[in-house]
Structures are given as structure tokens and as C-alpha cells.
PDB file of N, CA and C in Angstrom:
ATOM      1  N   MET A   1      68.361 126.707 113.584  1.00  0.00           N
ATOM      2  CA  MET A   1      69.572 125.666 113.905  1.00  0.00           C
ATOM      3  C   MET A   1      70.075 124.947 112.391  1.00  0.00           C
ATOM      4  N   ARG A   2      68.744 124.763 111.658  1.00  0.00           N
ATOM      5  CA  ARG A   2      69.192 124.126 109.989  1.00  0.00           C
ATOM      6  C   ARG A   2      70.141 125.492 109.376  1.00  0.00           C
ATOM      7  N   ILE A   3      69.152 126.598 109.512  1.00  0.00           N
ATOM      8  CA  ILE A   3      70.057 127.952 108.982  1.00  0.00           C
ATOM      9  C   ILE A   3      71.583 127.559 108.919  1.00  0.00           C
ATOM     10  N   ALA A   4      71.856 127.795 110.251  1.00  0.00           N
ATOM     11  CA  ALA A   4      73.345 127.781 110.702  1.00  0.00           C
ATOM     12  C   ALA A   4      74.200 126.619 110.329  1.00  0.00           C
ATOM     13  N   CYS A   5      73.504 125.532 110.055  1.00  0.00           N
ATOM     14  CA  CYS A   5      74.203 124.604 109.896  1.00  0.00           C
ATOM     15  C   CYS A   5      74.379 124.141 108.036  1.00  0.00           C
ATOM     16  N   LEU A   6      73.268 125.060 107.602  1.00  0.00           N
ATOM     17  CA  LEU A   6      73.565 124.794 106.127  1.00  0.00           C
ATOM     18  C   LEU A   6      74.620 126.278 105.803  1.00  0.00           C
ATOM     19  N   LEU A   7      74.384 127.034 106.675  1.00  0.00           N
ATOM     20  CA  LEU A   7      75.753 128.292 106.045  1.00  0.00           C
ATOM     21  C   LEU A   7      76.889 127.865 106.654  1.00  0.00           C
ATOM     22  N   LEU A   8      77.106 127.043 107.604  1.00  0.00           N
ATOM     23  CA  LEU A   8      78.383 126.417 107.943  1.00  0.00           C
ATOM     24  C   LEU A   8      78.974 125.284 107.321  1.00  0.00           C
ATOM     25  N   ARG A   9      78.055 124.614 106.815  1.00  0.00           N
ATOM     26  CA  ARG A   9      78.260 123.558 105.322  1.00  0.00           C
ATOM     27  C   ARG A   9      78.668 124.511 104.378  1.00  0.00           C
ATOM     28  N   MET A  10      77.781 125.533 103.900  1.00  0.00           N
ATOM     29  CA  MET A  10      78.374 126.117 102.787  1.00  0.00           C
ATOM     30  C   MET A  10      79.751 126.835 102.558  1.00  0.00           C
ATOM     31  N   ALA A  11      80.245 127.216 103.738  1.00  0.00           N
ATOM     32  CA  ALA A  11      81.258 128.001 104.025  1.00  0.00           C
ATOM     33  C   ALA A  11      82.278 127.214 103.874  1.00  0.00           C
ATOM     34  N   VAL A  12      82.581 125.923 104.234  1.00  0.00           N
ATOM     35  CA  VAL A  12      83.537 124.823 103.940  1.00  0.00           C
ATOM     36  C   VAL A  12      83.086 123.918 103.047  1.00  0.00           C
ATOM     37  N   SER A  13      82.059 123.997 102.391  1.00  0.00           N
ATOM     38  CA  SER A  13      82.068 122.899 101.441  1.00  0.00           C
ATOM     39  C   SER A  13      83.227 122.519 100.116  1.00  0.00           C
ATOM     40  N   GLN A  14      83.619 124.184  99.681  1.00  0.00           N
ATOM     41  CA  GLN A  14      84.691 124.115  98.371  1.00  0.00           C
ATOM     42  C   GLN A  14      86.065 124.123  99.256  1.00  0.00           C
ATOM     43  N   MET A  15      86.242 124.255 100.667  1.00  0.00           N
ATOM     44  CA  MET A  15      87.673 123.787 100.843  1.00  0.00           C
ATOM     45  C   MET A  15      88.520 122.884 100.132  1.00  0.00           C
ATOM     46  N   ASP A  16      88.339 121.968 100.091  1.00  0.00           N
ATOM     47  CA  ASP A  16      89.376 121.083  99.201  1.00  0.00           C
ATOM     48  C   ASP A  16      89.405 121.014  97.538  1.00  0.00           C
ATOM     49  N   VAL A  17      88.444 122.198  96.968  1.00  0.00           N
ATOM     50  CA  VAL A  17      88.787 121.976  95.752  1.00  0.00           C
ATOM     51  C   VAL A  17      90.209 122.913  94.963  1.00  0.00           C
ATOM     52  N   PRO A  18      90.730 123.783  95.981  1.00  0.00           N
ATOM     53  CA  PRO A  18      91.939 124.109  95.793  1.00  0.00           C
ATOM     54  C   PRO A  18      93.125 123.384  95.710  1.00  0.00           C
ATOM     55  N   ALA A  19      93.090 122.500  96.837  1.00  0.00           N
ATOM     56  CA  ALA A  19      93.671 121.440  97.376  1.00  0.00           C
ATOM     57  C   ALA A  19      93.814 119.931  96.399  1.00  0.00           C
ATOM     58  N   ARG A  20      92.847 120.019  95.643  1.00  0.00           N
ATOM     59  CA  ARG A  20      92.414 118.834  95.051  1.00  0.00           C
ATOM     60  C   ARG A  20      93.187 119.408  93.475  1.00  0.00           C
ATOM     61  N   GLN A  21      93.007 120.214  93.089  1.00  0.00           N
ATOM     62  CA  GLN A  21      93.566 120.851  91.685  1.00  0.00           C
ATOM     63  C   GLN A  21      94.552 121.038  91.616  1.00  0.00           C
ATOM     64  N   ALA A  22      95.331 121.313  92.949  1.00  0.00           N
ATOM     65  CA  ALA A  22      97.033 121.881  93.406  1.00  0.00           C
ATOM     66  C   ALA A  22      97.627 120.683  93.330  1.00  0.00           C
ATOM     67  N   PHE A  23      97.123 119.046  93.726  1.00  0.00           N
ATOM     68  CA  PHE A  23      97.559 117.851  93.893  1.00  0.00           C
ATOM     69  C   PHE A  23      97.602 117.528  92.400  1.00  0.00           C
ATOM     70  N   VAL A  24      96.245 117.489  92.269  1.00  0.00           N
ATOM     71  CA  VAL A  24      96.510 116.846  90.394  1.00  0.00           C
ATOM     72  C   VAL A  24      97.401 117.505  89.291  1.00  0.00           C
ATOM     73  N   MET A  25      97.329 118.750  89.660  1.00  0.00           N
ATOM     74  CA  MET A  25      98.355 119.503  88.592  1.00  0.00           C
ATOM     75  C   MET A  25      99.763 118.978  88.863  1.00  0.00           C
ATOM     76  N   ALA A  26      99.917 118.430  90.564  1.00  0.00           N
ATOM     77  CA  ALA A  26     101.232 118.191  90.868  1.00  0.00           C
ATOM     78  C   ALA A  26     101.768 116.919  90.555  1.00  0.00           C
ATOM     79  N   ILE A  27     100.740 115.699  90.300  1.00  0.00           N
ATOM     80  CA  ILE A  27     101.157 114.677  89.739  1.00  0.00           C
ATOM     81  C   ILE A  27     101.143 114.092  88.590  1.00  0.00           C
ATOM     82  N   VAL A  28     100.342 115.176  87.521  1.00  0.00           N
ATOM     83  CA  VAL A  28     100.176 114.748  86.380  1.00  0.00           C
ATOM     84  C   VAL A  28     100.956 115.415  85.126  1.00  0.00           C
ATOM     85  N   PRO A  29     101.347 114.930  84.403  1.00  0.00           N
ATOM     86  CA  PRO A  29     102.354 115.700  83.457  1.00  0.00           C
ATOM     87  C   PRO A  29     101.767 116.688  82.728  1.00  0.00           C
ATOM     88  N   PRO A  30     102.616 117.819  82.540  1.00  0.00           N
ATOM     89  CA  PRO A  30     101.953 118.987  82.150  1.00  0.00           C
ATOM     90  C   PRO A  30     101.191 119.198  80.642  1.00  0.00           C
ATOM     91  N   GLY A  31     101.499 118.165  79.916  1.00  0.00           N
ATOM     92  CA  GLY A  31     100.453 117.855  78.311  1.00  0.00           C
ATOM     93  C   GLY A  31      99.181 117.164  79.015  1.00  0.00           C
ATOM     94  N   GLU A  32      98.681 116.643  79.964  1.00  0.00           N
ATOM     95  CA  GLU A  32      98.093 115.937  80.469  1.00  0.00           C
ATOM     96  C   GLU A  32      97.144 116.833  81.481  1.00  0.00           C
ATOM     97  N   ARG A  33      97.534 117.741  81.903  1.00  0.00           N
ATOM     98  CA  ARG A  33      96.565 118.329  83.009  1.00  0.00           C
ATOM     99  C   ARG A  33      95.175 119.111  82.184  1.00  0.00           C
ATOM    100  N   ALA A  34      94.967 119.861  81.453  1.00  0.00           N
ATOM    101  CA  ALA A  34      93.770 119.934  80.958  1.00  0.00           C
ATOM    102  C   ALA A  34      92.539 118.858  80.724  1.00  0.00           C
ATOM    103  N   ALA A  35      93.211 118.002  80.394  1.00  0.00           N
ATOM    104  CA  ALA A  35      92.092 116.213  80.533  1.00  0.00           C
ATOM    105  C   ALA A  35      92.019 115.428  82.261  1.00  0.00           C
ATOM    106  N   ALA A  36      93.164 115.901  82.859  1.00  0.00           N
ATOM    107  CA  ALA A  36      92.736 115.689  84.170  1.00  0.00           C
ATOM    108  C   ALA A  36      92.023 116.498  85.183  1.00  0.00           C
ATOM    109  N   ALA A  37      92.067 117.583  84.461  1.00  0.00           N
ATOM    110  CA  ALA A  37      91.239 118.411  85.387  1.00  0.00           C
ATOM    111  C   ALA A  37      89.759 118.299  84.877  1.00  0.00           C
ATOM    112  N   SER A  38      89.587 118.169  83.833  1.00  0.00           N
ATOM    113  CA  SER A  38      87.843 117.676  83.695  1.00  0.00           C
ATOM    114  C   SER A  38      87.653 116.650  84.297  1.00  0.00           C
ATOM    115  N   VAL A  39      88.431 115.504  84.062  1.00  0.00           N
ATOM    116  CA  VAL A  39      87.921 114.286  84.624  1.00  0.00           C
ATOM    117  C   VAL A  39      87.743 114.412  86.177  1.00  0.00           C
ATOM    118  N   THR A  40      88.294 115.633  86.731  1.00  0.00           N
ATOM    119  CA  THR A  40      87.804 115.355  88.098  1.00  0.00           C
ATOM    120  C   THR A  40      86.896 116.570  88.503  1.00  0.00           C
ATOM    121  N   ASN A  41      86.875 117.316  87.325  1.00  0.00           N
ATOM    122  CA  ASN A  41      86.084 118.234  88.043  1.00  0.00           C
ATOM    123  C   ASN A  41      84.456 118.286  87.311  1.00  0.00           C
ATOM    124  N   VAL A  42      84.433 117.503  86.211  1.00  0.00           N
ATOM    125  CA  VAL A  42      82.934 117.117  85.518  1.00  0.00           C
ATOM    126  C   VAL A  42      82.007 116.369  86.202  1.00  0.00           C
ATOM    127  N   PRO A  43      82.540 115.066  86.848  1.00  0.00           N
ATOM    128  CA  PRO A  43      81.736 114.694  87.881  1.00  0.00           C
ATOM    129  C   PRO A  43      80.832 115.074  89.305  1.00  0.00           C
ATOM    130  N   ARG A  44      82.241 115.638  90.011  1.00  0.00           N
ATOM    131  CA  ARG A  44      81.519 116.886  90.779  1.00  0.00           C
ATOM    132  C   ARG A  44      80.647 117.790  90.738  1.00  0.00           C
ATOM    133  N   SER A  45      80.796 118.112  88.949  1.00  0.00           N
ATOM    134  CA  SER A  45      79.681 119.224  88.723  1.00  0.00           C
ATOM    135  C   SER A  45      78.471 118.623  88.875  1.00  0.00           C
ATOM    136  N   LEU A  46      78.379 117.575  87.976  1.00  0.00           N
ATOM    137  CA  LEU A  46      77.147 116.581  88.264  1.00  0.00           C
ATOM    138  C   LEU A  46      76.356 115.962  88.887  1.00  0.00           C
ATOM    139  N   ALA A  47      77.125 115.702  89.836  1.00  0.00           N
ATOM    140  CA  ALA A  47      76.714 115.735  91.359  1.00  0.00           C
ATOM    141  C   ALA A  47      76.116 116.285  92.205  1.00  0.00           C
ATOM    142  N   ALA A  48      76.705 117.628  92.033  1.00  0.00           N
ATOM    143  CA  ALA A  48      76.084 119.073  92.554  1.00  0.00           C
ATOM    144  C   ALA A  48      74.621 119.224  92.063  1.00  0.00           C
ATOM    145  N   GLY A  49      74.720 119.009  90.483  1.00  0.00           N
ATOM    146  CA  GLY A  49      73.615 119.053  90.008  1.00  0.00           C
ATOM    147  C   GLY A  49      72.708 118.486  90.224  1.00  0.00           C
ATOM    148  N   LEU A  50      72.360 117.096  91.071  1.00  0.00           N
ATOM    149  CA  LEU A  50      71.471 115.864  91.350  1.00  0.00           C
ATOM    150  C   LEU A  50      71.355 116.416  93.074  1.00  0.00           C
ATOM    151  N   ALA A  51      71.826 116.780  93.796  1.00  0.00           N
ATOM    152  CA  ALA A  51      72.094 116.937  95.417  1.00  0.00           C
ATOM    153  C   ALA A  51      70.729 117.491  95.561  1.00  0.00           C
ATOM    154  N   PRO A  52      70.293 118.872  94.637  1.00  0.00           N
ATOM    155  CA  PRO A  52      68.898 119.344  95.051  1.00  0.00           C
ATOM    156  C   PRO A  52      67.802 118.571  95.046  1.00  0.00           C
ATOM    157  N   LEU A  53      67.839 117.613  94.253  1.00  0.00           N
ATOM    158  CA  LEU A  53      66.681 116.889  93.401  1.00  0.00           C
ATOM    159  C   LEU A  53      66.804 115.584  94.621  1.00  0.00           C
ATOM    160  N   ILE A  54      67.236 115.238  94.964  1.00  0.00           N
ATOM    161  CA  ILE A  54      67.788 114.730  96.422  1.00  0.00           C
ATOM    162  C   ILE A  54      67.397 114.629  97.682  1.00  0.00           C
ATOM    163  N   ALA A  55      67.406 115.826  97.944  1.00  0.00           N
ATOM    164  CA  ALA A  55      67.807 116.793  99.307  1.00  0.00           C
ATOM    165  C   ALA A  55      65.999 117.361  98.948  1.00  0.00           C
ATOM    166  N   GLY A  56      65.244 117.369  97.887  1.00  0.00           N
ATOM    167  CA  GLY A  56      64.206 117.985  98.231  1.00  0.00           C
ATOM    168  C   GLY A  56      63.400 116.630  98.836  1.00  0.00           C
ATOM    169  N   VAL A  57      63.466 115.444  97.819  1.00  0.00           N
ATOM    170  CA  VAL A  57      62.938 114.344  98.233  1.00  0.00           C
ATOM    171  C   VAL A  57      62.938 114.118  99.925  1.00  0.00           C
ATOM    172  N   LEU A  58      63.934 114.335 100.132  1.00  0.00           N
ATOM    173  CA  LEU A  58      64.313 113.815 101.576  1.00  0.00           C
ATOM    174  C   LEU A  58      63.240 114.785 102.672  1.00  0.00           C
ATOM    175  N   LEU A  59      63.553 116.065 102.202  1.00  0.00           N
ATOM    176  CA  LEU A  59      62.848 117.048 102.705  1.00  0.00           C
ATOM    177  C   LEU A  59      61.679 116.780 102.709  1.00  0.00           C
ATOM    178  N   GLU A  60      61.190 116.510 101.694  1.00  0.00           N
ATOM    179  CA  GLU A  60      59.309 115.939 101.495  1.00  0.00           C
ATOM    180  C   GLU A  60      59.103 115.276 102.412  1.00  0.00           C
ATOM    181  N   ARG A  61      59.749 113.991 102.675  1.00  0.00           N
ATOM    182  CA  ARG A  61      59.287 113.287 103.843  1.00  0.00           C
ATOM    183  C   ARG A  61      59.747 113.203 104.811  1.00  0.00           C
ATOM    184  N   THR A  62      60.168 113.990 105.205  1.00  0.00           N
ATOM    185  CA  THR A  62      60.433 114.378 106.989  1.00  0.00           C
ATOM    186  C   THR A  62      61.210 115.501 107.194  1.00  0.00           C
ATOM    187  N   ASN A  63      60.912 116.248 108.563  1.00  0.00           N
ATOM    188  CA  ASN A  63      61.406 117.362 108.841  1.00  0.00           C
ATOM    189  C   ASN A  63      62.763 117.771 109.256  1.00  0.00           C
ATOM    190  N   PHE A  64      63.234 116.212 109.598  1.00  0.00           N
ATOM    191  CA  PHE A  64      64.807 115.964 109.892  1.00  0.00           C
ATOM    192  C   PHE A  64      65.817 116.722 108.862  1.00  0.00           C
ATOM    193  N   GLY A  65      66.814 117.493 109.036  1.00  0.00           N
ATOM    194  CA  GLY A  65      67.721 118.018 108.244  1.00  0.00           C
ATOM    195  C   GLY A  65      68.518 116.559 107.378  1.00  0.00           C
ATOM    196  N   TRP A  66      67.931 115.625 106.973  1.00  0.00           N
ATOM    197  CA  TRP A  66      68.623 114.591 106.639  1.00  0.00           C
ATOM    198  C   TRP A  66      69.742 114.856 105.291  1.00  0.00           C
ATOM    199  N   PRO A  67      69.580 116.080 104.613  1.00  0.00           N
ATOM    200  CA  PRO A  67      70.288 116.179 103.467  1.00  0.00           C
ATOM    201  C   PRO A  67      71.796 116.955 104.044  1.00  0.00           C
ATOM    202  N   LEU A  68      71.613 117.479 105.195  1.00  0.00           N
ATOM    203  CA  LEU A  68      72.802 118.056 105.494  1.00  0.00           C
ATOM    204  C   LEU A  68      73.557 116.839 106.650  1.00  0.00           C
ATOM    205  N   VAL A  69      72.983 115.913 106.940  1.00  0.00           N
ATOM    206  CA  VAL A  69      73.938 114.920 107.510  1.00  0.00           C
ATOM    207  C   VAL A  69      74.108 113.769 106.937  1.00  0.00           C
ATOM    208  N   ILE A  70      73.506 113.780 105.642  1.00  0.00           N
ATOM    209  CA  ILE A  70      74.030 113.135 104.538  1.00  0.00           C
ATOM    210  C   ILE A  70      74.979 113.418 104.047  1.00  0.00           C
ATOM    211  N   GLY A  71      75.019 114.891 103.554  1.00  0.00           N
ATOM    212  CA  GLY A  71      76.228 115.637 102.917  1.00  0.00           C
ATOM    213  C   GLY A  71      77.121 115.788 103.696  1.00  0.00           C
ATOM    214  N   GLY A  72      77.536 116.125 104.874  1.00  0.00           N
ATOM    215  CA  GLY A  72      78.310 116.127 105.902  1.00  0.00           C
ATOM    216  C   GLY A  72      79.319 114.838 105.863  1.00  0.00           C
ATOM    217  N   THR A  73      78.609 113.690 106.323  1.00  0.00           N
ATOM    218  CA  THR A  73      78.923 112.492 106.253  1.00  0.00           C
ATOM    219  C   THR A  73      79.922 111.723 104.740  1.00  0.00           C
ATOM    220  N   LEU A  74      78.819 112.406 103.462  1.00  0.00           N
ATOM    221  CA  LEU A  74      79.133 111.714 102.585  1.00  0.00           C
ATOM    222  C   LEU A  74      81.072 112.947 102.236  1.00  0.00           C
ATOM    223  N   LYS A  75      80.622 113.995 102.556  1.00  0.00           N
ATOM    224  CA  LYS A  75      82.091 114.954 102.612  1.00  0.00           C
ATOM    225  C   LYS A  75      83.115 114.300 103.134  1.00  0.00           C
ATOM    226  N   ALA A  76      82.673 114.160 104.486  1.00  0.00           N
ATOM    227  CA  ALA A  76      83.975 113.720 105.505  1.00  0.00           C
ATOM    228  C   ALA A  76      84.191 112.295 105.044  1.00  0.00           C
ATOM    229  N   VAL A  77      83.782 111.709 104.652  1.00  0.00           N
ATOM    230  CA  VAL A  77      83.823 110.126 103.768  1.00  0.00           C
ATOM    231  C   VAL A  77      85.045 109.914 102.552  1.00  0.00           C
ATOM    232  N   TYR A  78      84.614 111.370 101.591  1.00  0.00           N
ATOM    233  CA  TYR A  78      85.437 111.618 100.380  1.00  0.00           C
ATOM    234  C   TYR A  78      86.832 112.349 101.022  1.00  0.00           C
ATOM    235  N   ASP A  79      86.815 113.123 101.894  1.00  0.00           N
ATOM    236  CA  ASP A  79      88.331 113.538 102.101  1.00  0.00           C
ATOM    237  C   ASP A  79      88.901 112.914 102.838  1.00  0.00           C
ATOM    238  N   VAL A  80      88.682 111.960 103.916  1.00  0.00           N
ATOM    239  CA  VAL A  80      89.544 110.671 104.508  1.00  0.00           C
ATOM    240  C   VAL A  80      90.104 109.920 102.997  1.00  0.00           C
ATOM    241  N   ALA A  81      89.064 109.775 102.556  1.00  0.00           N
ATOM    242  CA  ALA A  81      89.323 108.904 101.283  1.00  0.00           C
ATOM    243  C   ALA A  81      90.527 109.309 100.316  1.00  0.00           C
ATOM    244  N   LEU A  82      90.633 110.774 100.503  1.00  0.00           N
ATOM    245  CA  LEU A  82      91.771 111.366  99.332  1.00  0.00           C
ATOM    246  C   LEU A  82      92.800 111.253 100.242  1.00  0.00           C
ATOM    247  N   LEU A  83      92.793 111.159 101.263  1.00  0.00           N
ATOM    248  CA  LEU A  83      93.663 111.570 102.156  1.00  0.00           C
ATOM    249  C   LEU A  83      94.442 110.168 102.496  1.00  0.00           C
ATOM    250  N   ILE A  84      93.703 109.116 102.635  1.00  0.00           N
ATOM    251  CA  ILE A  84      94.339 107.399 102.690  1.00  0.00           C
ATOM    252  C   ILE A  84      94.655 107.078 101.288  1.00  0.00           C
ATOM    253  N   GLN A  85      94.154 107.545 100.282  1.00  0.00           N
ATOM    254  CA  GLN A  85      94.695 106.924  99.234  1.00  0.00           C
ATOM    255  C   GLN A  85      95.687 107.720  98.304  1.00  0.00           C
ATOM    256  N   PHE A  86      95.733 109.137  98.770  1.00  0.00           N
ATOM    257  CA  PHE A  86      97.229 109.904  97.944  1.00  0.00           C
ATOM    258  C   PHE A  86      98.199 110.079  98.953  1.00  0.00           C
ATOM    259  N   ARG A  87      98.118 109.621 100.181  1.00  0.00           N
ATOM    260  CA  ARG A  87      99.638 110.249 101.320  1.00  0.00           C
ATOM    261  C   ARG A  87     100.624 109.837 101.131  1.00  0.00           C
ATOM    262  N   ALA A  88     100.866 108.525 100.707  1.00  0.00           N
ATOM    263  CA  ALA A  88     102.442 107.743 100.324  1.00  0.00           C
ATOM    264  C   ALA A  88     102.633 108.978  98.319  1.00  0.00           C
ATOM    265  N   VAL A  89     101.472 109.286  98.170  1.00  0.00           N
ATOM    266  CA  VAL A  89     102.163 109.546  96.850  1.00  0.00           C
ATOM    267  C   VAL A  89     103.563 110.697  96.582  1.00  0.00           C
ATOM    268  N   GLN A  90     104.509 110.532  95.746  1.00  0.00           N
ATOM    269  CA  GLN A  90     105.396 111.580  95.785  1.00  0.00           C
ATOM    270  C   GLN A  90     104.911 112.519  94.685  1.00  0.00           C
ATOM    271  N   LEU A  91     105.007 113.764  95.100  1.00  0.00           N
ATOM    272  CA  LEU A  91     104.710 115.018  94.059  1.00  0.00           C
ATOM    273  C   LEU A  91     106.001 114.906  93.366  1.00  0.00           C
ATOM    274  N   ARG A  92     105.740 115.987  91.817  1.00  0.00           N
ATOM    275  CA  ARG A  92     106.675 115.878  91.088  1.00  0.00           C
ATOM    276  C   ARG A  92     107.552 117.044  91.504  1.00  0.00           C
ATOM    277  N   GLU A  93     108.675 117.164  91.385  1.00  0.00           N
ATOM    278  CA  GLU A  93     109.569 118.182  92.078  1.00  0.00           C
ATOM    279  C   GLU A  93     109.068 119.670  90.411  1.00  0.00           C
ATOM    280  N   GLU A  94     109.158 120.473  91.058  1.00  0.00           N
ATOM    281  CA  GLU A  94     109.133 121.777  89.897  1.00  0.00           C
ATOM    282  C   GLU A  94     110.030 121.585  89.085  1.00  0.00           C
ATOM    283  N   GLY A  95     109.521 121.679  87.589  1.00  0.00           N
ATOM    284  CA  GLY A  95     110.795 121.883  86.978  1.00  0.00           C
ATOM    285  C   GLY A  95     111.263 120.572  86.309  1.00  0.00           C
ATOM    286  N   VAL A  96     111.000 119.470  86.633  1.00  0.00           N
ATOM    287  CA  VAL A  96     110.821 117.866  86.654  1.00  0.00           C
ATOM    288  C   VAL A  96     110.051 117.434  85.265  1.00  0.00           C
ATOM    289  N   ARG A  97     110.144 117.384  84.323  1.00  0.00           N
ATOM    290  CA  ARG A  97     109.600 117.212  83.248  1.00  0.00           C
ATOM    291  C   ARG A  97     109.737 115.461  83.045  1.00  0.00           C
TER     292      ARG A  97
END
């Protein structure tokens, strides 16, 4: 069961990346897009590097799949927070500068 949950989580864990990148590129002026992309991608990459360390500590202390529960909860909160924060933002029209 744990393997199935892990595989399911990995299958959907990157679904927000293309949407987030497209959204950032749509609301940021063309000259600032490279900087905006790095600001949104670097923290995510750093967090991904720390996750195995935290997961290892949690799995060492208990047999329950806390890393999956915590990871899924954080992902859901992140997705809902993005939706709430940006649902009223108007995107730039293509070609308008």
C-alpha cells in the first residue's frame, strides 16, 4: 500500500509546475521573466533536497507513512493557497507590453 501511495504521489507531484511557470511568465514583463523563473524555481529545488532527510528521520521513528501524509497535506495547502492568491489576477494580453 505504501508503494502504491508513493507512486501515486510521484505521478502527480509535478502537475503544478507547467501551470505555475506559464502563469508567472504571463504576469511578469518579458525583461524580468528569467529572474522571476529563478525566484520561483530555486526555493522549490532547495526544499526538494531537504525532503529526503526529513522523511528519513520520520520513517526511522515510526512505521507509519508520515512523509506521505505530510507531503500530501503540504502539497494540497500549497495548491489551494496559489489558487486563492492568484484567482483574481488578470493576465497580460499576448503582444501587450
